[in-house]
Amino acid sequence: MGKILVAYFSASGVTERVARQLADVTGGTLYEIKPEVRYTEADLDWRDKTSRSTIEMRDKSSRPAIVKDLKDAGSYDIIYIGFPVWWYTAPTIINTFIEAYGFEGKTVRFFATSGGSDVSGADKQFQAQYPAINWKPGKLLNGASKKTIEDCIKD
């Protein structure tokens, strides 16, 4: 199977719980994608047109700064990237992470949590933006059980 990285961005803790389970099931290294400036509750208010998350998601070139402390990023064979779905796709901080570490030629699968959106927008976005990565279809893992996660990594 190779060396596995389970990287995640979690604004409220929901995606983090799934990432921890996935790391346990795969034996992968758990890594938090941390913004240089943490998001506040006000930053995450998607109904506010002036909130940080709204401004970032409106600007497709937005790349929020991250803490770059992932060691040996190139040594991983399989990378799982987790995030909450924002505006029907991945938060722009995920682009920052991918562009900071590359992953060209690596097998990457994302997993997401969402209050109501699916992952098709993110699937299309990643395939188009990063064609040198070997993308596997993303999975929505809201409240996933251990069995669901085990099944997810098989396909």
C-alpha atoms as a PDB file:
ATOM      1  CA  MET A   1       0.000   0.000   0.000  1.00  0.00           C
ATOM      2  CA  GLY A   2       2.885   2.417   0.654  1.00  0.00           C
ATOM      3  CA  LYS A   3       3.432   5.262   3.076  1.00  0.00           C
ATOM      4  CA  ILE A   4       0.189   7.137   3.804  1.00  0.00           C
ATOM      5  CA  LEU A   5      -0.488  10.737   4.786  1.00  0.00           C
ATOM      6  CA  VAL A   6      -3.877  11.832   6.121  1.00  0.00           C
ATOM      7  CA  ALA A   7      -3.884  15.633   5.908  1.00  0.00           C
ATOM      8  CA  TYR A   8      -6.921  17.650   6.910  1.00  0.00           C
ATOM      9  CA  PHE A   9      -8.247  21.147   7.385  1.00  0.00           C
ATOM     10  CA  SER A  10     -11.021  21.397   9.952  1.00  0.00           C
ATOM     11  CA  ALA A  11     -12.616  24.669  10.959  1.00  0.00           C
ATOM     12  CA  SER A  12     -14.994  23.213  13.557  1.00  0.00           C
ATOM     13  CA  GLY A  13     -13.615  19.772  14.444  1.00  0.00           C
ATOM     14  CA  VAL A  14     -15.986  17.693  12.290  1.00  0.00           C
ATOM     15  CA  THR A  15     -13.460  16.915   9.555  1.00  0.00           C
ATOM     16  CA  GLU A  16     -10.752  16.345  12.171  1.00  0.00           C
ATOM     17  CA  ARG A  17     -12.760  13.500  13.750  1.00  0.00           C
ATOM     18  CA  VAL A  18     -13.078  11.755  10.382  1.00  0.00           C
ATOM     19  CA  ALA A  19      -9.365  12.316   9.648  1.00  0.00           C
ATOM     20  CA  ARG A  20      -8.394  10.720  12.962  1.00  0.00           C
ATOM     21  CA  GLN A  21     -10.512   7.662  12.149  1.00  0.00           C
ATOM     22  CA  LEU A  22      -9.018   7.434   8.657  1.00  0.00           C
ATOM     23  CA  ALA A  23      -5.475   7.648  10.046  1.00  0.00           C
ATOM     24  CA  ASP A  24      -6.316   4.888  12.545  1.00  0.00           C
ATOM     25  CA  VAL A  25      -7.750   2.617   9.839  1.00  0.00           C
ATOM     26  CA  THR A  26      -4.920   3.209   7.337  1.00  0.00           C
ATOM     27  CA  GLY A  27      -2.042   3.484   9.786  1.00  0.00           C
ATOM     28  CA  GLY A  28      -1.257   6.776   8.068  1.00  0.00           C
ATOM     29  CA  THR A  29       0.455   9.843   9.465  1.00  0.00           C
ATOM     30  CA  LEU A  30      -2.093  12.402  10.670  1.00  0.00           C
ATOM     31  CA  TYR A  31      -1.337  16.002   9.687  1.00  0.00           C
ATOM     32  CA  GLU A  32      -3.389  19.135  10.310  1.00  0.00           C
ATOM     33  CA  ILE A  33      -3.374  21.792   7.592  1.00  0.00           C
ATOM     34  CA  LYS A  34      -3.133  24.899   9.765  1.00  0.00           C
ATOM     35  CA  PRO A  35      -3.826  28.415   8.548  1.00  0.00           C
ATOM     36  CA  GLU A  36      -1.239  30.976   9.668  1.00  0.00           C
ATOM     37  CA  VAL A  37      -4.186  32.945  11.031  1.00  0.00           C
ATOM     38  CA  ARG A  38      -6.852  30.729  12.588  1.00  0.00           C
ATOM     39  CA  TYR A  39     -10.440  31.184  11.449  1.00  0.00           C
ATOM     40  CA  THR A  40     -12.800  32.751  13.966  1.00  0.00           C
ATOM     41  CA  GLU A  41     -16.514  32.086  14.135  1.00  0.00           C
ATOM     42  CA  ALA A  42     -17.095  35.438  12.395  1.00  0.00           C
ATOM     43  CA  ASP A  43     -14.617  34.447   9.652  1.00  0.00           C
ATOM     44  CA  LEU A  44     -16.692  31.349   8.937  1.00  0.00           C
ATOM     45  CA  ASP A  45     -20.084  33.101   8.638  1.00  0.00           C
ATOM     46  CA  TRP A  46     -20.919  32.293   5.022  1.00  0.00           C
ATOM     47  CA  ARG A  47     -24.032  34.497   5.198  1.00  0.00           C
ATOM     48  CA  ASP A  48     -21.829  37.569   5.759  1.00  0.00           C
ATOM     49  CA  LYS A  49     -20.601  38.900   2.408  1.00  0.00           C
ATOM     50  CA  THR A  50     -17.594  40.479   4.168  1.00  0.00           C
ATOM     51  CA  SER A  51     -16.500  37.434   6.180  1.00  0.00           C
ATOM     52  CA  ARG A  52     -13.045  36.014   5.556  1.00  0.00           C
ATOM     53  CA  SER A  53     -14.330  32.692   4.205  1.00  0.00           C
ATOM     54  CA  THR A  54     -16.768  34.402   1.825  1.00  0.00           C
ATOM     55  CA  ILE A  55     -14.062  36.712   0.464  1.00  0.00           C
ATOM     56  CA  GLU A  56     -11.637  33.789  -0.001  1.00  0.00           C
ATOM     57  CA  MET A  57     -14.203  31.600  -1.737  1.00  0.00           C
ATOM     58  CA  ARG A  58     -15.281  34.370  -4.107  1.00  0.00           C
ATOM     59  CA  ASP A  59     -11.687  34.798  -5.275  1.00  0.00           C
ATOM     60  CA  LYS A  60     -10.562  31.571  -6.969  1.00  0.00           C
ATOM     61  CA  SER A  61      -6.947  32.805  -6.855  1.00  0.00           C
ATOM     62  CA  SER A  62      -7.069  33.183  -3.065  1.00  0.00           C
ATOM     63  CA  ARG A  63      -4.383  31.151  -1.293  1.00  0.00           C
ATOM     64  CA  PRO A  64      -4.638  31.636   2.483  1.00  0.00           C
ATOM     65  CA  ALA A  65      -1.236  31.271   4.131  1.00  0.00           C
ATOM     66  CA  ILE A  66      -0.570  27.998   5.937  1.00  0.00           C
ATOM     67  CA  VAL A  67       1.944  26.870   8.518  1.00  0.00           C
ATOM     68  CA  LYS A  68       4.432  24.897   6.406  1.00  0.00           C
ATOM     69  CA  ASP A  69       5.676  22.271   8.841  1.00  0.00           C
ATOM     70  CA  LEU A  70       5.017  18.996   7.015  1.00  0.00           C
ATOM     71  CA  LYS A  71       8.248  17.029   7.003  1.00  0.00           C
ATOM     72  CA  ASP A  72       9.168  14.733   4.113  1.00  0.00           C
ATOM     73  CA  ALA A  73       6.025  15.480   2.068  1.00  0.00           C
ATOM     74  CA  GLY A  74       7.584  13.768  -0.937  1.00  0.00           C
ATOM     75  CA  SER A  75       8.047  10.480   0.928  1.00  0.00           C
ATOM     76  CA  TYR A  76       4.330   9.640   0.978  1.00  0.00           C
ATOM     77  CA  ASP A  77       2.868   7.347  -1.680  1.00  0.00           C
ATOM     78  CA  ILE A  78      -0.822   7.897  -0.900  1.00  0.00           C
ATOM     79  CA  ILE A  79      -2.249  11.166   0.347  1.00  0.00           C
ATOM     80  CA  TYR A  80      -5.729  11.658   1.750  1.00  0.00           C
ATOM     81  CA  ILE A  81      -6.783  15.305   2.021  1.00  0.00           C
ATOM     82  CA  GLY A  82      -9.803  16.169   4.163  1.00  0.00           C
ATOM     83  CA  PHE A  83     -11.843  19.344   4.372  1.00  0.00           C
ATOM     84  CA  PRO A  84     -15.326  20.729   4.969  1.00  0.00           C
ATOM     85  CA  VAL A  85     -17.179  21.589   1.757  1.00  0.00           C
ATOM     86  CA  TRP A  86     -17.440  25.359   1.318  1.00  0.00           C
ATOM     87  CA  TRP A  87     -19.468  26.833  -1.529  1.00  0.00           C
ATOM     88  CA  TYR A  88     -19.829  23.363  -3.138  1.00  0.00           C
ATOM     89  CA  THR A  89     -16.076  22.753  -3.301  1.00  0.00           C
ATOM     90  CA  ALA A  90     -12.878  22.740  -1.251  1.00  0.00           C
ATOM     91  CA  PRO A  91     -11.852  25.770   0.792  1.00  0.00           C
ATOM     92  CA  THR A  92      -9.086  27.710  -0.972  1.00  0.00           C
ATOM     93  CA  ILE A  93      -6.669  26.779   1.827  1.00  0.00           C
ATOM     94  CA  ILE A  94      -6.626  23.272   0.299  1.00  0.00           C
ATOM     95  CA  ASN A  95      -5.177  24.758  -2.913  1.00  0.00           C
ATOM     96  CA  THR A  96      -2.505  26.430  -0.779  1.00  0.00           C
ATOM     97  CA  PHE A  97      -1.612  23.040   0.721  1.00  0.00           C
ATOM     98  CA  ILE A  98      -1.535  21.195  -2.616  1.00  0.00           C
ATOM     99  CA  GLU A  99       0.555  23.908  -4.263  1.00  0.00           C
ATOM    100  CA  ALA A 100       2.939  24.142  -1.301  1.00  0.00           C
ATOM    101  CA  TYR A 101       3.783  20.434  -1.346  1.00  0.00           C
ATOM    102  CA  GLY A 102       3.129  19.388  -4.930  1.00  0.00           C
ATOM    103  CA  PHE A 103       2.126  15.708  -4.963  1.00  0.00           C
ATOM    104  CA  GLU A 104       2.646  15.384  -8.725  1.00  0.00           C
ATOM    105  CA  GLY A 105       2.643  11.713  -9.658  1.00  0.00           C
ATOM    106  CA  LYS A 106       1.251  10.735  -6.248  1.00  0.00           C
ATOM    107  CA  THR A 107      -2.068   9.027  -5.584  1.00  0.00           C
ATOM    108  CA  VAL A 108      -4.362  11.495  -3.872  1.00  0.00           C
ATOM    109  CA  ARG A 109      -7.916  11.056  -2.638  1.00  0.00           C
ATOM    110  CA  PHE A 110      -9.825  13.693  -0.790  1.00  0.00           C
ATOM    111  CA  PHE A 111     -12.552  13.216   1.764  1.00  0.00           C
ATOM    112  CA  ALA A 112     -14.997  15.829   2.883  1.00  0.00           C
ATOM    113  CA  THR A 113     -17.666  16.642   5.397  1.00  0.00           C
ATOM    114  CA  SER A 114     -20.665  18.776   4.548  1.00  0.00           C
ATOM    115  CA  GLY A 115     -23.967  19.980   5.880  1.00  0.00           C
ATOM    116  CA  GLY A 116     -25.665  19.344   2.561  1.00  0.00           C
ATOM    117  CA  SER A 117     -23.348  19.493  -0.459  1.00  0.00           C
ATOM    118  CA  ASP A 118     -21.771  16.608  -2.337  1.00  0.00           C
ATOM    119  CA  VAL A 119     -18.155  16.389  -3.518  1.00  0.00           C
ATOM    120  CA  SER A 120     -18.620  16.565  -7.296  1.00  0.00           C
ATOM    121  CA  GLY A 121     -17.547  20.220  -7.446  1.00  0.00           C
ATOM    122  CA  ALA A 122     -14.274  19.474  -5.705  1.00  0.00           C
ATOM    123  CA  ASP A 123     -13.667  16.394  -7.882  1.00  0.00           C
ATOM    124  CA  LYS A 124     -13.989  18.483 -11.050  1.00  0.00           C
ATOM    125  CA  GLN A 125     -11.925  21.348  -9.627  1.00  0.00           C
ATOM    126  CA  PHE A 126      -8.988  19.174  -8.572  1.00  0.00           C
ATOM    127  CA  GLN A 127      -8.887  17.163 -11.811  1.00  0.00           C
ATOM    128  CA  ALA A 128      -8.795  20.398 -13.847  1.00  0.00           C
ATOM    129  CA  GLN A 129      -6.376  22.367 -11.657  1.00  0.00           C
ATOM    130  CA  TYR A 130      -3.872  19.629 -10.840  1.00  0.00           C
ATOM    131  CA  PRO A 131      -3.767  17.138 -13.745  1.00  0.00           C
ATOM    132  CA  ALA A 132      -0.293  15.826 -12.789  1.00  0.00           C
ATOM    133  CA  ILE A 133      -1.745  14.271  -9.627  1.00  0.00           C
ATOM    134  CA  ASN A 134      -3.240  10.780  -9.775  1.00  0.00           C
ATOM    135  CA  TRP A 135      -6.666  11.682  -8.320  1.00  0.00           C
ATOM    136  CA  LYS A 136      -8.998   9.018  -7.023  1.00  0.00           C
ATOM    137  CA  PRO A 137     -12.680   9.957  -6.626  1.00  0.00           C
ATOM    138  CA  GLY A 138     -13.407  11.927  -3.483  1.00  0.00           C
ATOM    139  CA  LYS A 139     -15.713  10.708  -0.751  1.00  0.00           C
ATOM    140  CA  LEU A 140     -18.209  12.448   1.488  1.00  0.00           C
ATOM    141  CA  LEU A 141     -17.646  10.973   4.959  1.00  0.00           C
ATOM    142  CA  ASN A 142     -20.130  12.737   7.237  1.00  0.00           C
ATOM    143  CA  GLY A 143     -20.189  10.830  10.533  1.00  0.00           C
ATOM    144  CA  ALA A 144     -18.569   7.834   8.844  1.00  0.00           C
ATOM    145  CA  SER A 145     -18.308   4.605  10.758  1.00  0.00           C
ATOM    146  CA  LYS A 146     -15.102   2.596  10.898  1.00  0.00           C
ATOM    147  CA  LYS A 147     -16.635   0.121   8.425  1.00  0.00           C
ATOM    148  CA  THR A 148     -17.511   2.925   5.983  1.00  0.00           C
ATOM    149  CA  ILE A 149     -13.939   4.189   6.150  1.00  0.00           C
ATOM    150  CA  GLU A 150     -12.554   0.678   5.677  1.00  0.00           C
ATOM    151  CA  ASP A 151     -14.777   0.262   2.593  1.00  0.00           C
ATOM    152  CA  CYS A 152     -13.725   3.691   1.304  1.00  0.00           C
ATOM    153  CA  ILE A 153     -10.019   2.853   1.253  1.00  0.00           C
ATOM    154  CA  LYS A 154     -10.595  -0.419  -0.619  1.00  0.00           C
ATOM    155  CA  ASP A 155     -11.821   1.161  -3.843  1.00  0.00           C
END
